[in-house]
Amino acid sequence: MQGHSDIVTSVAFSPDGERIVSGSHDRTVRVWNARTGAPERDPFQGHSHWVTSVAFSPDGEKIVSGAYDNTVRVWNARSGAPEGDPFQGHSYWVTSVAFSPDGKRIVSGSYDNTVRVWNGRTGAPEGDPFHGHSNYVTSVAFSSDGERIVSGSYDSTVRVWNARTGAPEGHSLQGHGNIASVSFSLDGKRIVSGSSDNTVRVWSIQNGDSIKVFYIIWLYSNLL
């Protein structure tokens, strides 16, 4: 699928698997036919800096994007029209965005070291920013029931938050280097994280223990 003019930073399938959304350093969001690879409409334009993260809403009718212009935007997935004004509140680059399972809220993580939750329809912040990380937040995700949020950071920790109140749940999960990506298991009992230390870790929500560590080993071969 060709059309972006710079690095592609984020991709996601629509819930029905028929479309793909992509975000790019060319400052645009694009939607593609997942079967043919054809663009489904013109690029979504509005961000003034690199787009870093994109996601479909659970019903497939909206797309959320985050960018280095410090904003979160919501788009009509069919027409590409922006839905309301940009969500403003982060003071530094937005690195990760996601819809809640019911599509009513959006979570974002930022280089301002915070996690924020927004009303997905109005763009109004829901409560204060979640403070606790001491370095860039790089990845955020909702649990499948929408009651928790997980975040990963360059402070080498994974944190779990009450999605309604922003209160931290338990202590930070430690053992990694810089965190690049986090996600909940479908049953909400485990978290998986990936890091710059070349490992993937699985954590127990109940006690915060690291259950498994997967090591990534690079093998180099010089053939003369």
Protein backbone atom coordinates (compact mmCIF):
# COMPACT_ATOMS: atom_id res chain seq x y z
CA MET A 1 0.00 0.00 0.00
CA GLN A 2 1.75 3.10 -1.23
CA GLY A 3 0.69 6.69 -0.76
CA HIS A 4 2.43 8.08 2.30
CA SER A 5 5.43 10.27 1.54
CA ASP A 6 7.32 9.63 4.79
CA ILE A 7 7.77 7.04 7.55
CA VAL A 8 4.63 5.12 8.56
CA THR A 9 4.48 5.01 12.36
CA SER A 10 1.22 3.25 13.24
CA VAL A 11 -1.31 0.91 11.62
CA ALA A 12 -4.50 -0.85 12.73
CA PHE A 13 -7.31 -2.96 11.30
CA SER A 14 -10.95 -1.91 11.51
CA PRO A 15 -13.06 -4.15 13.77
CA ASP A 16 -14.56 -5.94 10.75
CA GLY A 17 -11.14 -6.45 9.16
CA GLU A 18 -12.18 -4.74 5.93
CA ARG A 19 -10.13 -1.56 6.31
CA ILE A 20 -6.71 -0.51 7.55
CA VAL A 21 -5.77 2.86 9.01
CA SER A 22 -2.23 4.23 8.94
CA GLY A 23 -0.49 7.27 10.38
CA SER A 24 2.71 8.81 9.09
CA HIS A 25 5.45 11.37 9.49
CA ASP A 26 3.91 13.02 6.42
CA ARG A 27 1.32 14.35 8.94
CA THR A 28 -1.59 12.46 7.42
CA VAL A 29 -3.89 9.59 8.31
CA ARG A 30 -4.96 7.20 5.54
CA VAL A 31 -7.60 4.48 5.23
CA TRP A 32 -7.06 1.54 2.88
CA ASN A 33 -9.15 -1.32 1.57
CA ALA A 34 -7.65 -4.29 3.40
CA ARG A 35 -8.33 -6.68 0.52
CA THR A 36 -7.17 -4.62 -2.45
CA GLY A 37 -4.77 -2.14 -0.84
CA ALA A 38 -6.52 0.74 -2.57
CA PRO A 39 -6.92 4.02 -0.66
CA GLU A 40 -10.55 4.50 0.33
CA ARG A 41 -10.44 8.29 0.19
CA ASP A 42 -8.09 11.24 0.30
CA PRO A 43 -5.65 11.50 3.22
CA PHE A 44 -7.02 12.94 6.46
CA GLN A 45 -5.21 16.24 6.92
CA GLY A 46 -5.15 18.41 10.01
CA HIS A 47 -2.16 17.48 12.14
CA SER A 48 0.74 19.91 11.90
CA HIS A 49 3.44 17.41 12.90
CA TRP A 50 4.20 13.69 12.68
CA VAL A 51 1.29 11.33 13.36
CA THR A 52 2.46 8.74 15.88
CA SER A 53 -0.56 6.59 16.73
CA VAL A 54 -3.89 5.64 15.14
CA ALA A 55 -6.82 3.40 16.09
CA PHE A 56 -10.38 2.60 15.01
CA SER A 57 -13.32 2.95 17.37
CA PRO A 58 -15.01 -0.35 18.33
CA ASP A 59 -17.86 0.29 15.86
CA GLY A 60 -15.44 1.19 13.06
CA GLU A 61 -17.07 4.58 12.47
CA LYS A 62 -14.35 6.77 13.97
CA ILE A 63 -10.58 6.97 13.95
CA VAL A 64 -8.43 8.53 16.64
CA SER A 65 -4.94 9.85 16.00
CA GLY A 66 -2.19 11.33 18.14
CA ALA A 67 0.69 13.44 16.90
CA TYR A 68 3.80 15.41 17.69
CA ASP A 69 1.69 18.59 17.49
CA ASN A 70 0.62 17.71 21.09
CA THR A 71 -2.97 16.98 20.04
CA VAL A 72 -5.41 14.11 19.72
CA ARG A 73 -7.88 14.16 16.83
CA VAL A 74 -11.00 12.16 16.01
CA TRP A 75 -12.09 11.61 12.41
CA ASN A 76 -15.13 10.22 10.65
CA ALA A 77 -13.73 6.95 9.33
CA ARG A 78 -15.97 7.02 6.25
CA SER A 79 -15.57 10.61 5.09
CA GLY A 80 -12.28 11.64 6.68
CA ALA A 81 -13.90 14.75 8.15
CA PRO A 82 -12.63 15.83 11.58
CA GLU A 83 -15.18 15.35 14.35
CA GLY A 84 -14.88 18.45 16.47
CA ASP A 85 -11.77 20.36 17.41
CA PRO A 86 -8.43 18.79 18.34
CA PHE A 87 -8.17 17.58 21.94
CA GLN A 88 -5.71 19.91 23.62
CA GLY A 89 -4.14 19.47 27.03
CA HIS A 90 -0.87 17.64 26.58
CA SER A 91 2.16 19.90 26.74
CA TYR A 92 4.42 17.66 24.67
CA TRP A 93 4.22 15.06 21.91
CA VAL A 94 1.36 12.54 21.97
CA THR A 95 2.78 9.06 21.48
CA SER A 96 -0.11 6.63 21.91
CA VAL A 97 -3.92 6.70 21.67
CA ALA A 98 -6.72 4.16 22.09
CA PHE A 99 -10.51 3.98 22.35
CA SER A 100 -12.25 2.45 25.34
CA PRO A 101 -14.16 -0.77 24.55
CA ASP A 102 -17.48 1.12 24.50
CA GLY A 103 -16.03 3.85 22.27
CA LYS A 104 -17.05 6.62 24.66
CA ARG A 105 -13.59 7.50 25.95
CA ILE A 106 -10.12 7.90 24.53
CA VAL A 107 -6.84 7.46 26.37
CA SER A 108 -3.60 9.14 25.34
CA GLY A 109 0.00 9.01 26.50
CA SER A 110 2.54 11.75 26.00
CA TYR A 111 6.13 12.86 26.28
CA ASP A 112 4.87 15.21 29.02
CA ASN A 113 5.02 12.07 31.26
CA THR A 114 1.23 11.90 31.69
CA VAL A 115 -1.73 9.78 30.70
CA ARG A 116 -5.03 11.50 29.88
CA VAL A 117 -8.60 10.31 29.37
CA TRP A 118 -10.95 12.24 27.11
CA ASN A 119 -14.64 12.22 26.31
CA GLY A 120 -14.62 10.63 22.87
CA ARG A 121 -17.52 12.75 21.62
CA THR A 122 -16.76 16.21 22.99
CA GLY A 123 -13.00 16.06 23.46
CA ALA A 124 -13.31 17.30 27.03
CA PRO A 125 -10.75 15.87 29.46
CA GLU A 126 -12.27 13.46 31.96
CA GLY A 127 -10.54 14.33 35.19
CA ASP A 128 -6.96 15.41 35.73
CA PRO A 129 -3.93 13.92 34.00
CA PHE A 130 -2.59 10.70 35.52
CA HIS A 131 0.73 11.55 37.15
CA GLY A 132 3.26 8.97 38.25
CA HIS A 133 5.69 8.33 35.42
CA SER A 134 8.98 10.19 35.61
CA ASN A 135 9.76 10.01 31.90
CA TYR A 136 8.03 9.84 28.52
CA VAL A 137 4.86 7.74 28.28
CA THR A 138 5.18 5.66 25.13
CA SER A 139 2.19 3.31 25.11
CA VAL A 140 -1.31 3.14 26.61
CA ALA A 141 -4.23 0.70 26.43
CA PHE A 142 -7.63 0.03 28.01
CA SER A 143 -8.57 -3.27 29.62
CA SER A 144 -11.36 -5.17 27.87
CA ASP A 145 -13.92 -4.05 30.48
CA GLY A 146 -12.79 -0.42 30.23
CA GLU A 147 -12.12 -0.16 33.96
CA ARG A 148 -8.32 -0.06 33.84
CA ILE A 149 -5.62 1.58 31.78
CA VAL A 150 -2.07 0.35 31.40
CA SER A 151 0.82 2.62 30.45
CA GLY A 152 4.47 2.07 29.64
CA SER A 153 7.23 4.63 29.91
CA TYR A 154 10.86 5.46 29.34
CA ASP A 155 11.17 5.48 33.13
CA SER A 156 11.38 1.67 32.68
CA THR A 157 8.07 1.00 34.44
CA VAL A 158 4.62 -0.27 33.57
CA ARG A 159 1.73 1.24 35.51
CA VAL A 160 -1.93 0.29 35.94
CA TRP A 161 -4.55 2.96 36.62
CA ASN A 162 -8.21 3.10 37.54
CA ALA A 163 -9.69 4.38 34.28
CA ARG A 164 -12.44 6.32 36.08
CA THR A 165 -10.47 8.05 38.82
CA GLY A 166 -6.89 8.01 37.55
CA ALA A 167 -5.71 6.45 40.79
CA PRO A 168 -2.77 4.04 40.44
CA GLU A 169 -3.66 0.40 41.08
CA GLY A 170 -0.83 -1.30 42.93
CA HIS A 171 2.83 -0.48 42.55
CA SER A 172 4.66 0.15 39.30
CA LEU A 173 5.87 -2.96 37.48
CA GLN A 174 9.65 -2.92 37.24
CA GLY A 175 12.24 -5.07 35.53
CA HIS A 176 12.52 -3.65 32.02
CA GLY A 177 14.55 -1.01 30.27
CA ASN A 178 12.65 1.69 28.37
CA ILE A 179 9.11 0.47 27.63
CA ALA A 180 7.98 0.61 24.01
CA SER A 181 4.57 -1.12 24.06
CA VAL A 182 1.97 -2.45 26.51
CA SER A 183 -1.32 -4.32 26.28
CA PHE A 184 -3.84 -6.20 28.43
CA SER A 185 -4.81 -9.82 27.93
CA LEU A 186 -8.43 -10.32 26.89
CA ASP A 187 -9.40 -11.55 30.37
CA GLY A 188 -7.70 -8.53 31.97
CA LYS A 189 -5.59 -10.66 34.30
CA ARG A 190 -2.24 -10.15 32.58
CA ILE A 191 -0.24 -7.40 30.92
CA VAL A 192 2.35 -7.82 28.21
CA SER A 193 5.12 -5.29 27.65
CA GLY A 194 7.98 -4.86 25.20
CA SER A 195 11.17 -2.98 25.90
CA SER A 196 14.41 -1.62 24.51
CA ASP A 197 16.18 -4.26 26.63
CA ASN A 198 15.21 -6.82 23.93
CA THR A 199 12.69 -8.60 26.14
CA VAL A 200 8.95 -9.16 26.27
CA ARG A 201 7.48 -9.59 29.75
CA VAL A 202 4.14 -10.90 30.96
CA TRP A 203 2.90 -9.56 34.29
CA SER A 204 0.22 -10.65 36.73
CA ILE A 205 -2.33 -7.92 37.46
CA GLN A 206 -3.13 -9.49 40.81
CA ASN A 207 0.31 -9.18 42.40
CA GLY A 208 2.47 -7.37 39.83
CA ASP A 209 4.85 -10.30 39.44
CA SER A 210 6.67 -10.87 36.19
CA ILE A 211 5.30 -14.26 35.09
CA LYS A 212 7.36 -14.79 31.95
CA VAL A 213 10.28 -13.15 30.20
CA PHE A 214 10.88 -13.73 26.50
CA TYR A 215 14.40 -12.90 25.36
CA ILE A 216 15.03 -11.73 21.82
CA ILE A 217 18.40 -12.92 20.60
CA TRP A 218 19.95 -11.52 17.45
CA LEU A 219 22.14 -13.93 15.52
CA TYR A 220 24.72 -12.50 13.15
CA SER A 221 26.50 -14.52 10.52
CA ASN A 222 29.45 -13.38 8.42
CA LEU A 223 29.79 -15.42 5.28
CA LEU A 224 33.13 -14.95 3.53
